[in-house]
Amino acid sequence: MADANTKANNAAQARQVIDVFHEISTLLNAELDRGTLSICISLIENGVNPEALATVIRELRKDAEEVRRKVAAGETVE
């Protein structure tokens, strides 16, 4: 029973951490949802450089915005 209790406590703590990071993300207008934050935290915990991760996220957003712009203009997207 203690093992199930420990797992429940760990899950609750993880949710609290994600909630805090989501609040910070919202305050900073980072536009990261809870799922994305969870993935980013896992990547960082597993050794991914946070600055490199931030750079990748910025580049992906820039690329996505370019695609949206092209679609809105009726251009072909490659």
PDB file of N, CA and C in Angstrom:
ATOM      1  N   MET A   1       0.827  -1.197   0.000  1.00  0.00           N
ATOM      2  CA  MET A   1       0.000   0.000   0.000  1.00  0.00           C
ATOM      3  C   MET A   1       0.870   1.259   0.000  1.00  0.00           C
ATOM      4  N   ALA A   2       2.027   1.178   0.677  1.00  0.00           N
ATOM      5  CA  ALA A   2       2.906   2.343   0.727  1.00  0.00           C
ATOM      6  C   ALA A   2       3.427   2.695  -0.658  1.00  0.00           C
ATOM      7  N   ASP A   3       3.661   1.677  -1.484  1.00  0.00           N
ATOM      8  CA  ASP A   3       4.157   1.918  -2.834  1.00  0.00           C
ATOM      9  C   ASP A   3       3.128   2.685  -3.664  1.00  0.00           C
ATOM     10  N   ALA A   4       1.869   2.321  -3.560  1.00  0.00           N
ATOM     11  CA  ALA A   4       0.806   3.032  -4.282  1.00  0.00           C
ATOM     12  C   ALA A   4       0.678   4.453  -3.768  1.00  0.00           C
ATOM     13  N   ASN A   5       0.838   4.622  -2.463  1.00  0.00           N
ATOM     14  CA  ASN A   5       0.773   5.949  -1.853  1.00  0.00           C
ATOM     15  C   ASN A   5       1.931   6.819  -2.333  1.00  0.00           C
ATOM     16  N   THR A   6       3.113   6.236  -2.435  1.00  0.00           N
ATOM     17  CA  THR A   6       4.287   6.963  -2.918  1.00  0.00           C
ATOM     18  C   THR A   6       4.094   7.391  -4.365  1.00  0.00           C
ATOM     19  N   LYS A   7       3.558   6.495  -5.187  1.00  0.00           N
ATOM     20  CA  LYS A   7       3.314   6.832  -6.593  1.00  0.00           C
ATOM     21  C   LYS A   7       2.306   7.962  -6.716  1.00  0.00           C
ATOM     22  N   ALA A   8       1.266   7.927  -5.890  1.00  0.00           N
ATOM     23  CA  ALA A   8       0.254   8.987  -5.916  1.00  0.00           C
ATOM     24  C   ALA A   8       0.862  10.319  -5.496  1.00  0.00           C
ATOM     25  N   ASN A   9       1.714  10.284  -4.471  1.00  0.00           N
ATOM     26  CA  ASN A   9       2.378  11.515  -4.023  1.00  0.00           C
ATOM     27  C   ASN A   9       3.313  12.059  -5.095  1.00  0.00           C
ATOM     28  N   ASN A  10       4.056  11.172  -5.741  1.00  0.00           N
ATOM     29  CA  ASN A  10       4.966  11.604  -6.809  1.00  0.00           C
ATOM     30  C   ASN A  10       4.194  12.218  -7.970  1.00  0.00           C
ATOM     31  N   ALA A  11       3.068  11.615  -8.328  1.00  0.00           N
ATOM     32  CA  ALA A  11       2.249  12.147  -9.422  1.00  0.00           C
ATOM     33  C   ALA A  11       1.689  13.512  -9.053  1.00  0.00           C
ATOM     34  N   ALA A  12       1.258  13.673  -7.806  1.00  0.00           N
ATOM     35  CA  ALA A  12       0.726  14.963  -7.352  1.00  0.00           C
ATOM     36  C   ALA A  12       1.814  16.028  -7.373  1.00  0.00           C
ATOM     37  N   GLN A  13       3.013  15.663  -6.945  1.00  0.00           N
ATOM     38  CA  GLN A  13       4.127  16.614  -6.969  1.00  0.00           C
ATOM     39  C   GLN A  13       4.478  17.001  -8.400  1.00  0.00           C
ATOM     40  N   ALA A  14       4.469  16.041  -9.302  1.00  0.00           N
ATOM     41  CA  ALA A  14       4.771  16.335 -10.708  1.00  0.00           C
ATOM     42  C   ALA A  14       3.737  17.292 -11.284  1.00  0.00           C
ATOM     43  N   ARG A  15       2.458  17.076 -10.963  1.00  0.00           N
ATOM     44  CA  ARG A  15       1.408  17.988 -11.434  1.00  0.00           C
ATOM     45  C   ARG A  15       1.614  19.390 -10.881  1.00  0.00           C
ATOM     46  N   GLN A  16       2.006  19.478  -9.616  1.00  0.00           N
ATOM     47  CA  GLN A  16       2.244  20.791  -9.013  1.00  0.00           C
ATOM     48  C   GLN A  16       3.398  21.508  -9.703  1.00  0.00           C
ATOM     49  N   VAL A  17       4.449  20.775 -10.010  1.00  0.00           N
ATOM     50  CA  VAL A  17       5.600  21.368 -10.700  1.00  0.00           C
ATOM     51  C   VAL A  17       5.172  21.886 -12.072  1.00  0.00           C
ATOM     52  N   ILE A  18       4.417  21.078 -12.807  1.00  0.00           N
ATOM     53  CA  ILE A  18       3.946  21.496 -14.129  1.00  0.00           C
ATOM     54  C   ILE A  18       3.054  22.718 -13.998  1.00  0.00           C
ATOM     55  N   ASP A  19       2.183  22.734 -12.986  1.00  0.00           N
ATOM     56  CA  ASP A  19       1.300  23.889 -12.774  1.00  0.00           C
ATOM     57  C   ASP A  19       2.099  25.161 -12.519  1.00  0.00           C
ATOM     58  N   VAL A  20       3.147  25.062 -11.699  1.00  0.00           N
ATOM     59  CA  VAL A  20       3.985  26.233 -11.408  1.00  0.00           C
ATOM     60  C   VAL A  20       4.694  26.703 -12.674  1.00  0.00           C
ATOM     61  N   PHE A  21       5.270  25.768 -13.418  1.00  0.00           N
ATOM     62  CA  PHE A  21       5.943  26.149 -14.663  1.00  0.00           C
ATOM     63  C   PHE A  21       4.957  26.737 -15.668  1.00  0.00           C
ATOM     64  N   HIS A  22       3.731  26.221 -15.688  1.00  0.00           N
ATOM     65  CA  HIS A  22       2.724  26.766 -16.604  1.00  0.00           C
ATOM     66  C   HIS A  22       2.360  28.193 -16.210  1.00  0.00           C
ATOM     67  N   GLU A  23       2.247  28.456 -14.911  1.00  0.00           N
ATOM     68  CA  GLU A  23       1.970  29.822 -14.458  1.00  0.00           C
ATOM     69  C   GLU A  23       3.094  30.764 -14.873  1.00  0.00           C
ATOM     70  N   ILE A  24       4.334  30.326 -14.697  1.00  0.00           N
ATOM     71  CA  ILE A  24       5.484  31.141 -15.106  1.00  0.00           C
ATOM     72  C   ILE A  24       5.461  31.353 -16.615  1.00  0.00           C
ATOM     73  N   SER A  25       5.191  30.296 -17.362  1.00  0.00           N
ATOM     74  CA  SER A  25       5.113  30.386 -18.821  1.00  0.00           C
ATOM     75  C   SER A  25       4.057  31.395 -19.247  1.00  0.00           C
ATOM     76  N   THR A  26       2.912  31.361 -18.575  1.00  0.00           N
ATOM     77  CA  THR A  26       1.829  32.295 -18.890  1.00  0.00           C
ATOM     78  C   THR A  26       2.244  33.726 -18.580  1.00  0.00           C
ATOM     79  N   LEU A  27       2.873  33.939 -17.428  1.00  0.00           N
ATOM     80  CA  LEU A  27       3.319  35.284 -17.053  1.00  0.00           C
ATOM     81  C   LEU A  27       4.340  35.838 -18.043  1.00  0.00           C
ATOM     82  N   LEU A  28       5.167  34.958 -18.590  1.00  0.00           N
ATOM     83  CA  LEU A  28       6.210  35.375 -19.533  1.00  0.00           C
ATOM     84  C   LEU A  28       5.739  35.350 -20.985  1.00  0.00           C
ATOM     85  N   ASN A  29       4.452  35.037 -21.201  1.00  0.00           N
ATOM     86  CA  ASN A  29       3.896  34.924 -22.551  1.00  0.00           C
ATOM     87  C   ASN A  29       4.703  33.965 -23.423  1.00  0.00           C
ATOM     88  N   ALA A  30       5.139  32.859 -22.828  1.00  0.00           N
ATOM     89  CA  ALA A  30       5.930  31.872 -23.563  1.00  0.00           C
ATOM     90  C   ALA A  30       5.064  30.983 -24.451  1.00  0.00           C
ATOM     91  N   GLU A  31       3.759  30.985 -24.210  1.00  0.00           N
ATOM     92  CA  GLU A  31       2.815  30.211 -25.021  1.00  0.00           C
ATOM     93  C   GLU A  31       3.156  28.722 -25.052  1.00  0.00           C
ATOM     94  N   LEU A  32       3.515  28.179 -23.899  1.00  0.00           N
ATOM     95  CA  LEU A  32       3.776  26.746 -23.784  1.00  0.00           C
ATOM     96  C   LEU A  32       2.666  26.121 -22.947  1.00  0.00           C
ATOM     97  N   ASP A  33       1.992  25.116 -23.510  1.00  0.00           N
ATOM     98  CA  ASP A  33       0.939  24.450 -22.744  1.00  0.00           C
ATOM     99  C   ASP A  33       1.559  23.436 -21.780  1.00  0.00           C
ATOM    100  N   ARG A  34       0.724  22.863 -20.931  1.00  0.00           N
ATOM    101  CA  ARG A  34       1.223  21.929 -19.916  1.00  0.00           C
ATOM    102  C   ARG A  34       1.907  20.713 -20.542  1.00  0.00           C
ATOM    103  N   GLY A  35       1.357  20.205 -21.620  1.00  0.00           N
ATOM    104  CA  GLY A  35       1.965  19.048 -22.275  1.00  0.00           C
ATOM    105  C   GLY A  35       3.347  19.354 -22.821  1.00  0.00           C
ATOM    106  N   THR A  36       3.468  20.512 -23.463  1.00  0.00           N
ATOM    107  CA  THR A  36       4.760  20.925 -24.011  1.00  0.00           C
ATOM    108  C   THR A  36       5.764  21.165 -22.893  1.00  0.00           C
ATOM    109  N   LEU A  37       5.308  21.810 -21.814  1.00  0.00           N
ATOM    110  CA  LEU A  37       6.194  22.036 -20.669  1.00  0.00           C
ATOM    111  C   LEU A  37       6.676  20.717 -20.079  1.00  0.00           C
ATOM    112  N   SER A  38       5.781  19.762 -19.986  1.00  0.00           N
ATOM    113  CA  SER A  38       6.143  18.457 -19.445  1.00  0.00           C
ATOM    114  C   SER A  38       7.230  17.800 -20.293  1.00  0.00           C
ATOM    115  N   ILE A  39       7.084  17.887 -21.605  1.00  0.00           N
ATOM    116  CA  ILE A  39       8.090  17.327 -22.511  1.00  0.00           C
ATOM    117  C   ILE A  39       9.416  18.060 -22.354  1.00  0.00           C
ATOM    118  N   CYS A  40       9.364  19.385 -22.293  1.00  0.00           N
ATOM    119  CA  CYS A  40      10.592  20.176 -22.143  1.00  0.00           C
ATOM    120  C   CYS A  40      11.307  19.840 -20.839  1.00  0.00           C
ATOM    121  N   ILE A  41      10.547  19.722 -19.753  1.00  0.00           N
ATOM    122  CA  ILE A  41      11.145  19.382 -18.463  1.00  0.00           C
ATOM    123  C   ILE A  41      11.800  18.011 -18.532  1.00  0.00           C
ATOM    124  N   SER A  42      11.128  17.049 -19.136  1.00  0.00           N
ATOM    125  CA  SER A  42      11.703  15.704 -19.271  1.00  0.00           C
ATOM    126  C   SER A  42      12.989  15.732 -20.087  1.00  0.00           C
ATOM    127  N   LEU A  43      12.978  16.489 -21.178  1.00  0.00           N
ATOM    128  CA  LEU A  43      14.185  16.593 -22.005  1.00  0.00           C
ATOM    129  C   LEU A  43      15.345  17.184 -21.210  1.00  0.00           C
ATOM    130  N   ILE A  44      15.070  18.244 -20.461  1.00  0.00           N
ATOM    131  CA  ILE A  44      16.120  18.890 -19.669  1.00  0.00           C
ATOM    132  C   ILE A  44      16.618  17.952 -18.574  1.00  0.00           C
ATOM    133  N   GLU A  45      15.691  17.244 -17.913  1.00  0.00           N
ATOM    134  CA  GLU A  45      16.089  16.280 -16.881  1.00  0.00           C
ATOM    135  C   GLU A  45      16.954  15.168 -17.456  1.00  0.00           C
ATOM    136  N   ASN A  46      16.795  14.890 -18.744  1.00  0.00           N
ATOM    137  CA  ASN A  46      17.575  13.836 -19.391  1.00  0.00           C
ATOM    138  C   ASN A  46      18.810  14.362 -20.107  1.00  0.00           C
ATOM    139  N   GLY A  47      19.194  15.599 -19.813  1.00  0.00           N
ATOM    140  CA  GLY A  47      20.473  16.104 -20.279  1.00  0.00           C
ATOM    141  C   GLY A  47      20.462  17.057 -21.454  1.00  0.00           C
ATOM    142  N   VAL A  48      19.290  17.387 -21.990  1.00  0.00           N
ATOM    143  CA  VAL A  48      19.246  18.338 -23.099  1.00  0.00           C
ATOM    144  C   VAL A  48      19.590  19.730 -22.573  1.00  0.00           C
ATOM    145  N   ASN A  49      20.419  20.435 -23.304  1.00  0.00           N
ATOM    146  CA  ASN A  49      20.803  21.793 -22.931  1.00  0.00           C
ATOM    147  C   ASN A  49      19.577  22.708 -23.036  1.00  0.00           C
ATOM    148  N   PRO A  50      19.196  23.390 -21.935  1.00  0.00           N
ATOM    149  CA  PRO A  50      18.005  24.249 -21.961  1.00  0.00           C
ATOM    150  C   PRO A  50      18.075  25.365 -22.998  1.00  0.00           C
ATOM    151  N   GLU A  51      19.258  25.942 -23.184  1.00  0.00           N
ATOM    152  CA  GLU A  51      19.396  27.018 -24.169  1.00  0.00           C
ATOM    153  C   GLU A  51      19.211  26.483 -25.585  1.00  0.00           C
ATOM    154  N   ALA A  52      19.752  25.306 -25.848  1.00  0.00           N
ATOM    155  CA  ALA A  52      19.578  24.694 -27.169  1.00  0.00           C
ATOM    156  C   ALA A  52      18.107  24.352 -27.400  1.00  0.00           C
ATOM    157  N   LEU A  53      17.437  23.862 -26.371  1.00  0.00           N
ATOM    158  CA  LEU A  53      16.015  23.545 -26.482  1.00  0.00           C
ATOM    159  C   LEU A  53      15.205  24.801 -26.774  1.00  0.00           C
ATOM    160  N   ALA A  54      15.516  25.886 -26.082  1.00  0.00           N
ATOM    161  CA  ALA A  54      14.815  27.153 -26.327  1.00  0.00           C
ATOM    162  C   ALA A  54      15.041  27.628 -27.758  1.00  0.00           C
ATOM    163  N   THR A  55      16.250  27.466 -28.262  1.00  0.00           N
ATOM    164  CA  THR A  55      16.553  27.860 -29.640  1.00  0.00           C
ATOM    165  C   THR A  55      15.739  27.031 -30.629  1.00  0.00           C
ATOM    166  N   VAL A  56      15.650  25.738 -30.389  1.00  0.00           N
ATOM    167  CA  VAL A  56      14.868  24.865 -31.273  1.00  0.00           C
ATOM    168  C   VAL A  56      13.397  25.272 -31.255  1.00  0.00           C
ATOM    169  N   ILE A  57      12.866  25.552 -30.077  1.00  0.00           N
ATOM    170  CA  ILE A  57      11.461  25.961 -29.972  1.00  0.00           C
ATOM    171  C   ILE A  57      11.228  27.259 -30.732  1.00  0.00           C
ATOM    172  N   ARG A  58      12.131  28.227 -30.577  1.00  0.00           N
ATOM    173  CA  ARG A  58      11.987  29.496 -31.309  1.00  0.00           C
ATOM    174  C   ARG A  58      12.029  29.272 -32.815  1.00  0.00           C
ATOM    175  N   GLU A  59      12.947  28.431 -33.281  1.00  0.00           N
ATOM    176  CA  GLU A  59      13.058  28.153 -34.718  1.00  0.00           C
ATOM    177  C   GLU A  59      11.807  27.445 -35.243  1.00  0.00           C
ATOM    178  N   LEU A  60      11.292  26.499 -34.479  1.00  0.00           N
ATOM    179  CA  LEU A  60      10.070  25.806 -34.900  1.00  0.00           C
ATOM    180  C   LEU A  60       8.896  26.769 -34.981  1.00  0.00           C
ATOM    181  N   ARG A  61       8.807  27.672 -34.032  1.00  0.00           N
ATOM    182  CA  ARG A  61       7.731  28.669 -34.066  1.00  0.00           C
ATOM    183  C   ARG A  61       7.870  29.584 -35.275  1.00  0.00           C
ATOM    184  N   LYS A  62       9.113  29.982 -35.563  1.00  0.00           N
ATOM    185  CA  LYS A  62       9.356  30.848 -36.715  1.00  0.00           C
ATOM    186  C   LYS A  62       8.972  30.131 -38.006  1.00  0.00           C
ATOM    187  N   ASP A  63       9.364  28.862 -38.118  1.00  0.00           N
ATOM    188  CA  ASP A  63       9.010  28.079 -39.305  1.00  0.00           C
ATOM    189  C   ASP A  63       7.499  27.903 -39.421  1.00  0.00           C
ATOM    190  N   ALA A  64       6.840  27.631 -38.304  1.00  0.00           N
ATOM    191  CA  ALA A  64       5.384  27.454 -38.322  1.00  0.00           C
ATOM    192  C   ALA A  64       4.693  28.742 -38.742  1.00  0.00           C
ATOM    193  N   GLU A  65       5.190  29.865 -38.269  1.00  0.00           N
ATOM    194  CA  GLU A  65       4.601  31.158 -38.647  1.00  0.00           C
ATOM    195  C   GLU A  65       4.782  31.412 -40.140  1.00  0.00           C
ATOM    196  N   GLU A  66       5.931  31.052 -40.677  1.00  0.00           N
ATOM    197  CA  GLU A  66       6.183  31.208 -42.114  1.00  0.00           C
ATOM    198  C   GLU A  66       5.213  30.349 -42.926  1.00  0.00           C
ATOM    199  N   VAL A  67       4.987  29.124 -42.477  1.00  0.00           N
ATOM    200  CA  VAL A  67       4.037  28.241 -43.170  1.00  0.00           C
ATOM    201  C   VAL A  67       2.636  28.832 -43.105  1.00  0.00           C
ATOM    202  N   ARG A  68       2.228  29.312 -41.928  1.00  0.00           N
ATOM    203  CA  ARG A  68       0.898  29.930 -41.800  1.00  0.00           C
ATOM    204  C   ARG A  68       0.757  31.129 -42.723  1.00  0.00           C
ATOM    205  N   ARG A  69       1.819  31.929 -42.817  1.00  0.00           N
ATOM    206  CA  ARG A  69       1.786  33.102 -43.682  1.00  0.00           C
ATOM    207  C   ARG A  69       1.614  32.688 -45.137  1.00  0.00           C
ATOM    208  N   LYS A  70       2.369  31.669 -45.555  1.00  0.00           N
ATOM    209  CA  LYS A  70       2.276  31.197 -46.937  1.00  0.00           C
ATOM    210  C   LYS A  70       0.900  30.622 -47.236  1.00  0.00           C
ATOM    211  N   VAL A  71       0.355  29.862 -46.317  1.00  0.00           N
ATOM    212  CA  VAL A  71      -0.979  29.282 -46.513  1.00  0.00           C
ATOM    213  C   VAL A  71      -2.012  30.391 -46.631  1.00  0.00           C
ATOM    214  N   ALA A  72      -1.914  31.396 -45.772  1.00  0.00           N
ATOM    215  CA  ALA A  72      -2.864  32.511 -45.812  1.00  0.00           C
ATOM    216  C   ALA A  72      -2.762  33.278 -47.120  1.00  0.00           C
ATOM    217  N   ALA A  73      -1.545  33.346 -47.685  1.00  0.00           N
ATOM    218  CA  ALA A  73      -1.339  34.062 -48.940  1.00  0.00           C
ATOM    219  C   ALA A  73      -1.635  33.178 -50.154  1.00  0.00           C
ATOM    220  N   GLY A  74      -1.968  31.916 -49.911  1.00  0.00           N
ATOM    221  CA  GLY A  74      -2.268  31.013 -51.013  1.00  0.00           C
ATOM    222  C   GLY A  74      -1.045  30.470 -51.711  1.00  0.00           C
ATOM    223  N   GLU A  75       0.113  30.609 -51.096  1.00  0.00           N
ATOM    224  CA  GLU A  75       1.351  30.110 -51.692  1.00  0.00           C
ATOM    225  C   GLU A  75       1.503  28.615 -51.437  1.00  0.00           C
ATOM    226  N   THR A  76       2.362  27.989 -52.226  1.00  0.00           N
ATOM    227  CA  THR A  76       2.662  26.577 -52.044  1.00  0.00           C
ATOM    228  C   THR A  76       3.635  26.421 -50.887  1.00  0.00           C
ATOM    229  N   VAL A  77       3.348  25.452 -50.042  1.00  0.00           N
ATOM    230  CA  VAL A  77       4.217  25.180 -48.895  1.00  0.00           C
ATOM    231  C   VAL A  77       5.005  23.918 -49.184  1.00  0.00           C
ATOM    232  N   GLU A  78       6.321  24.027 -49.068  1.00  0.00           N
ATOM    233  CA  GLU A  78       7.187  22.871 -49.330  1.00  0.00           C
ATOM    234  C   GLU A  78       7.621  22.233 -48.052  1.00  0.00           C
TER     235      GLU A  78
END
